[in-house]
Amino acid sequence: SKPNDIPNHEYIIKINDNPTESKFLEEHHVFGGNSDSTVSVGAYFRDMLVCLMTFKPLRKNKWKIGRMAGICKFEGLEFLLFNAFVKRYNPSFVYARNDLRWDESGKYLSMNFKYLSTKHPNYYFTKEFARFDKMNEQWKDLDRIYDCGSRLFVWSTP
């Protein structure tokens, strides 16, 4: 059967180690494997990692979702991964930023997140596929790339 046809109850949800997270993100996330998250929750089907959600602590029981990736779209799996994280770590608040290039606001709303704000488009500098900070003194020789902005959401303990 195709991955999208697998019922959610057939997945095993586990906390992953860093090498597993990095390898999976390198293969399946648009920004690659470097993540500053400290917790990674994955969905497995027949011992194969198929979907991943990462989390980073901010301060005193507040977290943010780092990245989500899967081998294809899995309806509802992000809800299972998020609930597993909440059950194990008992956060008071979880923040999520939605890049408007891939507007998937609906998934956060379906996980009971509340919309907080919209961040206007931003930019960074690049040259030959390397990305540079805005503070780079050589900006005159670099190309400027704009994003589409983002939306900020928050989940809080009911």
N, C-alpha and C. Protein backbone atom coordinates (compact mmCIF):
# COMPACT_ATOMS: atom_id res chain seq x y z
N SER A 1 0.84 -1.20 0.00
CA SER A 1 0.00 0.00 0.00
C SER A 1 0.88 1.25 0.00
N LYS A 2 0.32 2.34 -0.49
CA LYS A 2 1.03 3.62 -0.50
C LYS A 2 1.07 4.18 0.91
N PRO A 3 2.11 4.99 1.26
CA PRO A 3 2.19 5.56 2.61
C PRO A 3 0.96 6.34 3.02
N ASN A 4 0.32 7.06 2.09
CA ASN A 4 -0.86 7.86 2.46
C ASN A 4 -2.07 6.99 2.80
N ASP A 5 -2.04 5.72 2.40
CA ASP A 5 -3.16 4.82 2.66
C ASP A 5 -3.04 4.09 3.99
N ILE A 6 -1.95 4.30 4.70
CA ILE A 6 -1.71 3.60 5.95
C ILE A 6 -2.48 4.29 7.07
N PRO A 7 -3.34 3.58 7.79
CA PRO A 7 -4.07 4.21 8.90
C PRO A 7 -3.11 4.67 10.00
N ASN A 8 -3.41 5.80 10.62
CA ASN A 8 -2.52 6.37 11.63
C ASN A 8 -2.23 5.43 12.79
N HIS A 9 -3.17 4.54 13.13
CA HIS A 9 -2.93 3.64 14.27
C HIS A 9 -1.85 2.60 13.98
N GLU A 10 -1.41 2.47 12.74
CA GLU A 10 -0.37 1.50 12.40
C GLU A 10 1.05 2.07 12.53
N TYR A 11 1.18 3.34 12.86
CA TYR A 11 2.49 3.95 13.03
C TYR A 11 2.97 3.79 14.47
N ILE A 12 4.27 3.65 14.65
CA ILE A 12 4.89 3.65 15.97
C ILE A 12 5.54 5.02 16.12
N ILE A 13 5.26 5.71 17.23
CA ILE A 13 5.82 7.04 17.49
C ILE A 13 6.97 6.89 18.48
N LYS A 14 8.15 7.43 18.12
CA LYS A 14 9.34 7.31 18.97
C LYS A 14 10.10 8.63 19.03
N ILE A 15 10.85 8.80 20.12
CA ILE A 15 11.82 9.88 20.24
C ILE A 15 13.08 9.41 19.52
N ASN A 16 13.65 10.27 18.66
CA ASN A 16 14.82 9.89 17.85
C ASN A 16 16.10 10.46 18.43
N ASP A 17 17.22 9.82 18.05
CA ASP A 17 18.52 10.38 18.41
C ASP A 17 18.94 11.38 17.33
N ASN A 18 19.97 12.17 17.64
CA ASN A 18 20.40 13.23 16.73
C ASN A 18 20.88 12.72 15.37
N PRO A 19 21.69 11.66 15.30
CA PRO A 19 22.12 11.19 13.98
C PRO A 19 20.95 10.78 13.08
N THR A 20 19.94 10.14 13.67
CA THR A 20 18.75 9.74 12.90
C THR A 20 18.03 10.97 12.38
N GLU A 21 17.85 11.97 13.27
CA GLU A 21 17.18 13.22 12.88
C GLU A 21 17.94 13.90 11.75
N SER A 22 19.24 14.08 11.91
CA SER A 22 20.05 14.79 10.90
C SER A 22 20.01 14.10 9.54
N LYS A 23 20.13 12.79 9.55
CA LYS A 23 20.12 12.04 8.29
C LYS A 23 18.77 12.18 7.60
N PHE A 24 17.68 12.05 8.36
CA PHE A 24 16.34 12.15 7.79
C PHE A 24 16.09 13.55 7.23
N LEU A 25 16.45 14.58 8.00
CA LEU A 25 16.25 15.95 7.52
C LEU A 25 17.10 16.24 6.29
N GLU A 26 18.31 15.72 6.26
CA GLU A 26 19.17 15.91 5.09
C GLU A 26 18.51 15.37 3.83
N GLU A 27 17.83 14.25 3.97
CA GLU A 27 17.21 13.60 2.81
C GLU A 27 15.82 14.14 2.48
N HIS A 28 15.09 14.69 3.48
CA HIS A 28 13.67 14.99 3.25
C HIS A 28 13.22 16.40 3.59
N HIS A 29 14.11 17.27 4.04
CA HIS A 29 13.69 18.64 4.36
C HIS A 29 14.38 19.61 3.41
N VAL A 30 13.66 20.62 2.99
CA VAL A 30 14.18 21.57 2.01
C VAL A 30 15.44 22.28 2.49
N PHE A 31 15.61 22.49 3.80
CA PHE A 31 16.78 23.16 4.33
C PHE A 31 17.87 22.20 4.81
N GLY A 32 17.68 20.92 4.61
CA GLY A 32 18.73 19.96 4.94
C GLY A 32 18.72 19.50 6.38
N GLY A 33 19.86 18.94 6.81
CA GLY A 33 19.94 18.23 8.07
C GLY A 33 20.37 19.02 9.29
N ASN A 34 20.83 20.23 9.14
CA ASN A 34 21.29 20.99 10.30
C ASN A 34 20.11 21.59 11.03
N SER A 35 19.86 21.10 12.22
CA SER A 35 18.75 21.58 13.04
C SER A 35 19.28 21.92 14.42
N ASP A 36 18.78 22.99 15.01
CA ASP A 36 19.22 23.35 16.36
C ASP A 36 18.25 22.82 17.42
N SER A 37 17.42 21.88 17.03
CA SER A 37 16.44 21.31 17.96
C SER A 37 17.11 20.31 18.89
N THR A 38 16.48 20.09 20.04
CA THR A 38 17.01 19.13 21.01
C THR A 38 16.14 17.89 21.14
N VAL A 39 14.91 17.94 20.62
CA VAL A 39 14.00 16.81 20.69
C VAL A 39 13.47 16.53 19.28
N SER A 40 13.43 15.27 18.94
CA SER A 40 12.94 14.85 17.63
C SER A 40 11.96 13.70 17.83
N VAL A 41 10.73 13.86 17.33
CA VAL A 41 9.71 12.83 17.46
C VAL A 41 9.41 12.30 16.06
N GLY A 42 9.46 10.97 15.89
CA GLY A 42 9.27 10.39 14.57
C GLY A 42 8.17 9.36 14.53
N ALA A 43 7.59 9.23 13.34
CA ALA A 43 6.59 8.19 13.07
C ALA A 43 7.26 7.11 12.23
N TYR A 44 7.13 5.87 12.67
CA TYR A 44 7.74 4.74 11.99
C TYR A 44 6.66 3.80 11.47
N PHE A 45 6.90 3.28 10.28
CA PHE A 45 6.04 2.23 9.73
C PHE A 45 6.95 1.10 9.30
N ARG A 46 6.75 -0.08 9.87
CA ARG A 46 7.59 -1.25 9.59
C ARG A 46 9.08 -0.91 9.75
N ASP A 47 9.41 -0.28 10.87
CA ASP A 47 10.77 0.08 11.25
C ASP A 47 11.42 1.14 10.35
N MET A 48 10.64 1.80 9.51
CA MET A 48 11.18 2.84 8.65
C MET A 48 10.62 4.20 9.11
N LEU A 49 11.53 5.15 9.36
CA LEU A 49 11.12 6.50 9.73
C LEU A 49 10.47 7.16 8.51
N VAL A 50 9.22 7.62 8.66
CA VAL A 50 8.51 8.19 7.52
C VAL A 50 8.12 9.65 7.73
N CYS A 51 8.12 10.12 8.99
CA CYS A 51 7.73 11.50 9.27
C CYS A 51 8.40 11.93 10.58
N LEU A 52 8.80 13.21 10.64
CA LEU A 52 9.59 13.70 11.76
C LEU A 52 9.17 15.12 12.13
N MET A 53 9.16 15.42 13.42
CA MET A 53 8.90 16.77 13.92
C MET A 53 9.95 17.06 14.99
N THR A 54 10.60 18.24 14.90
CA THR A 54 11.63 18.58 15.88
C THR A 54 11.18 19.74 16.75
N PHE A 55 11.75 19.81 17.96
CA PHE A 55 11.38 20.82 18.94
C PHE A 55 12.64 21.39 19.59
N LYS A 56 12.56 22.66 19.95
CA LYS A 56 13.67 23.33 20.62
C LYS A 56 13.13 24.06 21.85
N PRO A 57 13.77 23.87 23.02
CA PRO A 57 13.31 24.61 24.21
C PRO A 57 13.69 26.08 24.08
N LEU A 58 12.80 26.95 24.54
CA LEU A 58 13.07 28.39 24.53
C LEU A 58 13.45 28.87 25.92
N ARG A 59 12.54 28.74 26.86
CA ARG A 59 12.76 29.11 28.25
C ARG A 59 11.62 28.50 29.07
N LYS A 60 11.87 28.28 30.32
CA LYS A 60 10.89 27.78 31.30
C LYS A 60 9.60 27.20 30.70
N ASN A 61 9.69 25.96 30.26
CA ASN A 61 8.55 25.19 29.76
C ASN A 61 7.89 25.76 28.51
N LYS A 62 8.67 26.56 27.76
CA LYS A 62 8.20 27.06 26.46
C LYS A 62 9.10 26.47 25.38
N TRP A 63 8.48 26.03 24.30
CA TRP A 63 9.19 25.35 23.22
C TRP A 63 8.79 25.96 21.88
N LYS A 64 9.54 25.60 20.85
CA LYS A 64 9.12 25.94 19.49
C LYS A 64 9.30 24.72 18.61
N ILE A 65 8.44 24.59 17.61
CA ILE A 65 8.60 23.55 16.62
C ILE A 65 9.70 24.00 15.68
N GLY A 66 10.69 23.13 15.48
CA GLY A 66 11.78 23.45 14.58
C GLY A 66 11.44 23.12 13.14
N ARG A 67 11.37 21.85 12.85
CA ARG A 67 11.11 21.41 11.48
C ARG A 67 10.16 20.23 11.47
N MET A 68 9.47 20.09 10.33
CA MET A 68 8.65 18.92 10.06
C MET A 68 9.03 18.41 8.69
N ALA A 69 9.17 17.12 8.55
CA ALA A 69 9.50 16.54 7.25
C ALA A 69 8.94 15.13 7.18
N GLY A 70 8.65 14.71 5.96
CA GLY A 70 8.17 13.36 5.73
C GLY A 70 8.57 12.88 4.36
N ILE A 71 8.49 11.57 4.16
CA ILE A 71 8.84 11.05 2.84
C ILE A 71 7.76 11.39 1.81
N CYS A 72 6.57 11.75 2.27
CA CYS A 72 5.50 12.30 1.44
C CYS A 72 4.49 12.93 2.40
N LYS A 73 3.40 13.45 1.90
CA LYS A 73 2.39 14.08 2.78
C LYS A 73 1.64 13.01 3.55
N PHE A 74 1.54 13.21 4.85
CA PHE A 74 0.84 12.27 5.72
C PHE A 74 -0.23 13.04 6.49
N GLU A 75 -1.46 12.93 6.05
CA GLU A 75 -2.54 13.64 6.71
C GLU A 75 -2.70 13.16 8.15
N GLY A 76 -2.62 14.08 9.08
CA GLY A 76 -2.86 13.77 10.47
C GLY A 76 -1.67 13.30 11.28
N LEU A 77 -0.56 12.96 10.62
CA LEU A 77 0.60 12.47 11.38
C LEU A 77 1.22 13.56 12.24
N GLU A 78 1.20 14.81 11.75
CA GLU A 78 1.79 15.87 12.57
C GLU A 78 1.03 16.00 13.89
N PHE A 79 -0.27 15.73 13.88
CA PHE A 79 -1.08 15.76 15.10
C PHE A 79 -0.61 14.66 16.06
N LEU A 80 -0.35 13.45 15.54
CA LEU A 80 0.14 12.36 16.38
C LEU A 80 1.51 12.68 16.97
N LEU A 81 2.41 13.23 16.14
CA LEU A 81 3.75 13.57 16.61
C LEU A 81 3.69 14.66 17.67
N PHE A 82 2.89 15.68 17.43
CA PHE A 82 2.77 16.78 18.39
C PHE A 82 2.19 16.28 19.71
N ASN A 83 1.15 15.47 19.65
CA ASN A 83 0.54 14.94 20.88
C ASN A 83 1.52 14.07 21.66
N ALA A 84 2.36 13.30 20.97
CA ALA A 84 3.37 12.50 21.65
C ALA A 84 4.37 13.39 22.37
N PHE A 85 4.77 14.49 21.72
CA PHE A 85 5.68 15.45 22.36
C PHE A 85 5.03 16.06 23.60
N VAL A 86 3.79 16.51 23.48
CA VAL A 86 3.08 17.14 24.61
C VAL A 86 2.94 16.16 25.77
N LYS A 87 2.61 14.92 25.47
CA LYS A 87 2.43 13.91 26.52
C LYS A 87 3.74 13.65 27.27
N ARG A 88 4.86 13.63 26.55
CA ARG A 88 6.15 13.31 27.19
C ARG A 88 6.78 14.51 27.89
N TYR A 89 6.69 15.72 27.29
CA TYR A 89 7.42 16.88 27.81
C TYR A 89 6.54 17.89 28.54
N ASN A 90 5.22 17.76 28.44
CA ASN A 90 4.28 18.60 29.17
C ASN A 90 4.61 20.10 29.09
N PRO A 91 4.70 20.66 27.88
CA PRO A 91 5.01 22.09 27.75
C PRO A 91 3.83 22.97 28.13
N SER A 92 4.12 24.19 28.56
CA SER A 92 3.06 25.16 28.80
C SER A 92 2.67 25.86 27.50
N PHE A 93 3.70 26.16 26.68
CA PHE A 93 3.50 26.84 25.40
C PHE A 93 4.39 26.21 24.35
N VAL A 94 3.89 26.16 23.11
CA VAL A 94 4.69 25.74 21.96
C VAL A 94 4.41 26.75 20.85
N TYR A 95 5.49 27.30 20.31
CA TYR A 95 5.38 28.27 19.22
C TYR A 95 5.72 27.59 17.91
N ALA A 96 5.12 28.06 16.84
CA ALA A 96 5.41 27.54 15.51
C ALA A 96 5.39 28.69 14.52
N ARG A 97 6.38 28.71 13.65
CA ARG A 97 6.45 29.73 12.60
C ARG A 97 6.19 29.04 11.28
N ASN A 98 5.27 29.61 10.52
CA ASN A 98 4.87 29.05 9.23
C ASN A 98 5.41 29.93 8.11
N ASP A 99 6.34 29.40 7.33
CA ASP A 99 6.91 30.11 6.20
C ASP A 99 5.83 30.23 5.12
N LEU A 100 5.53 31.44 4.68
CA LEU A 100 4.45 31.64 3.73
C LEU A 100 4.80 31.16 2.32
N ARG A 101 6.06 30.78 2.08
CA ARG A 101 6.38 30.15 0.79
C ARG A 101 5.66 28.81 0.68
N TRP A 102 5.45 28.17 1.81
CA TRP A 102 4.74 26.89 1.85
C TRP A 102 3.62 27.04 2.85
N ASP A 103 2.63 27.83 2.50
CA ASP A 103 1.58 28.16 3.46
C ASP A 103 0.80 26.92 3.87
N GLU A 104 1.09 26.47 5.09
CA GLU A 104 0.40 25.31 5.64
C GLU A 104 -0.20 25.68 6.99
N SER A 105 -0.80 26.86 7.05
CA SER A 105 -1.39 27.34 8.30
C SER A 105 -2.43 26.39 8.85
N GLY A 106 -3.13 25.71 7.97
CA GLY A 106 -4.21 24.82 8.40
C GLY A 106 -3.74 23.72 9.32
N LYS A 107 -2.52 23.22 9.14
CA LYS A 107 -2.05 22.13 10.00
C LYS A 107 -1.88 22.62 11.44
N TYR A 108 -1.43 23.85 11.63
CA TYR A 108 -1.28 24.37 13.00
C TYR A 108 -2.65 24.62 13.62
N LEU A 109 -3.55 25.16 12.86
CA LEU A 109 -4.90 25.38 13.39
C LEU A 109 -5.57 24.06 13.73
N SER A 110 -5.32 23.01 12.94
CA SER A 110 -5.91 21.70 13.23
C SER A 110 -5.31 21.07 14.49
N MET A 111 -4.11 21.52 14.90
CA MET A 111 -3.48 21.02 16.12
C MET A 111 -3.78 21.95 17.31
N ASN A 112 -4.78 22.81 17.17
CA ASN A 112 -5.24 23.72 18.22
C ASN A 112 -4.26 24.84 18.55
N PHE A 113 -3.44 25.22 17.58
CA PHE A 113 -2.61 26.41 17.73
C PHE A 113 -3.48 27.62 17.43
N LYS A 114 -3.12 28.75 18.01
CA LYS A 114 -3.82 30.02 17.75
C LYS A 114 -2.88 30.93 16.96
N TYR A 115 -3.44 31.64 16.01
CA TYR A 115 -2.67 32.60 15.22
C TYR A 115 -2.27 33.78 16.08
N LEU A 116 -0.99 34.20 16.02
CA LEU A 116 -0.52 35.35 16.79
C LEU A 116 -0.24 36.57 15.91
N SER A 117 0.57 36.38 14.86
CA SER A 117 0.96 37.54 14.05
C SER A 117 1.54 37.10 12.71
N THR A 118 1.72 38.09 11.83
CA THR A 118 2.35 37.85 10.54
C THR A 118 3.61 38.70 10.46
N LYS A 119 4.69 38.06 10.04
CA LYS A 119 5.96 38.76 9.86
C LYS A 119 6.09 39.12 8.37
N HIS A 120 6.43 40.36 8.10
CA HIS A 120 6.55 40.82 6.72
C HIS A 120 7.73 40.13 6.03
N PRO A 121 7.74 40.15 4.68
CA PRO A 121 8.86 39.53 3.97
C PRO A 121 10.20 40.06 4.43
N ASN A 122 11.17 39.18 4.42
CA ASN A 122 12.52 39.48 4.86
C ASN A 122 13.47 39.13 3.71
N TYR A 123 14.73 39.41 3.88
CA TYR A 123 15.69 39.06 2.84
C TYR A 123 17.01 38.62 3.45
N TYR A 124 17.80 37.98 2.63
CA TYR A 124 19.16 37.61 3.00
C TYR A 124 20.02 37.77 1.75
N PHE A 125 21.31 37.72 1.93
CA PHE A 125 22.24 37.87 0.82
C PHE A 125 22.78 36.50 0.41
N THR A 126 23.06 36.37 -0.88
CA THR A 126 23.58 35.11 -1.38
C THR A 126 24.55 35.34 -2.54
N LYS A 127 25.45 34.42 -2.69
CA LYS A 127 26.36 34.42 -3.84
C LYS A 127 26.80 32.98 -4.06
N GLU A 128 26.59 32.50 -5.27
CA GLU A 128 26.98 31.15 -5.63
C GLU A 128 26.45 30.11 -4.62
N PHE A 129 25.19 30.22 -4.29
CA PHE A 129 24.46 29.29 -3.42
C PHE A 129 24.87 29.35 -1.95
N ALA A 130 25.71 30.30 -1.58
CA ALA A 130 26.06 30.48 -0.16
C ALA A 130 25.19 31.61 0.39
N ARG A 131 24.74 31.45 1.62
CA ARG A 131 23.87 32.43 2.25
C ARG A 131 24.67 33.24 3.25
N PHE A 132 24.45 34.58 3.28
CA PHE A 132 25.20 35.46 4.16
C PHE A 132 24.26 36.30 5.02
N ASP A 133 24.73 36.61 6.21
CA ASP A 133 24.01 37.46 7.15
C ASP A 133 23.89 38.87 6.59
N LYS A 134 22.83 39.56 6.99
CA LYS A 134 22.63 40.95 6.55
C LYS A 134 23.75 41.87 7.00
N MET A 135 24.47 41.48 8.00
CA MET A 135 25.54 42.34 8.53
C MET A 135 26.84 42.19 7.73
N ASN A 136 26.82 41.36 6.69
CA ASN A 136 28.01 41.13 5.89
C ASN A 136 28.46 42.44 5.23
N GLU A 137 29.71 42.78 5.39
CA GLU A 137 30.23 44.04 4.86
C GLU A 137 30.37 44.03 3.35
N GLN A 138 30.33 42.87 2.75
CA GLN A 138 30.50 42.76 1.30
C GLN A 138 29.15 42.73 0.57
N TRP A 139 28.08 43.27 1.16
CA TRP A 139 26.74 43.15 0.60
C TRP A 139 26.62 43.72 -0.80
N LYS A 140 27.45 44.67 -1.18
CA LYS A 140 27.35 45.26 -2.52
C LYS A 140 27.66 44.24 -3.61
N ASP A 141 28.44 43.22 -3.28
CA ASP A 141 28.81 42.20 -4.25
C ASP A 141 27.91 40.97 -4.18
N LEU A 142 26.86 41.04 -3.37
CA LEU A 142 26.00 39.88 -3.16
C LEU A 142 24.61 40.12 -3.73
N ASP A 143 23.91 39.03 -4.05
CA ASP A 143 22.52 39.11 -4.49
C ASP A 143 21.61 39.11 -3.28
N ARG A 144 20.50 39.83 -3.37
CA ARG A 144 19.53 39.89 -2.28
C ARG A 144 18.34 39.00 -2.66
N ILE A 145 17.98 38.08 -1.78
CA ILE A 145 16.86 37.17 -2.00
C ILE A 145 15.80 37.44 -0.94
N TYR A 146 14.56 37.65 -1.38
CA TYR A 146 13.45 37.91 -0.46
C TYR A 146 12.64 36.64 -0.22
N ASP A 147 12.11 36.52 0.99
CA ASP A 147 11.17 35.44 1.26
C ASP A 147 9.75 36.02 1.18
N CYS A 148 8.78 35.27 1.62
CA CYS A 148 7.38 35.70 1.53
C CYS A 148 6.80 36.10 2.88
N GLY A 149 7.62 36.12 3.91
CA GLY A 149 7.11 36.41 5.25
C GLY A 149 6.72 35.12 5.96
N SER A 150 6.17 35.26 7.14
CA SER A 150 5.78 34.08 7.91
C SER A 150 4.65 34.43 8.87
N ARG A 151 4.01 33.40 9.38
CA ARG A 151 2.97 33.55 10.40
C ARG A 151 3.44 32.86 11.67
N LEU A 152 3.13 33.45 12.80
CA LEU A 152 3.48 32.88 14.10
C LEU A 152 2.22 32.36 14.77
N PHE A 153 2.32 31.13 15.30
CA PHE A 153 1.22 30.49 16.00
C PHE A 153 1.69 30.06 17.38
N VAL A 154 0.76 29.91 18.31
CA VAL A 154 1.10 29.43 19.65
C VAL A 154 0.05 28.42 20.11
N TRP A 155 0.53 27.37 20.77
CA TRP A 155 -0.31 26.39 21.43
C TRP A 155 -0.06 26.54 22.92
N SER A 156 -1.11 26.48 23.72
CA SER A 156 -0.92 26.53 25.17
C SER A 156 -1.71 25.42 25.84
N THR A 157 -1.25 25.04 27.01
CA THR A 157 -1.92 23.99 27.77
C THR A 157 -3.37 24.37 28.01
N PRO A 158 -4.29 23.46 27.67
CA PRO A 158 -5.72 23.78 27.88
C PRO A 158 -6.07 23.91 29.35
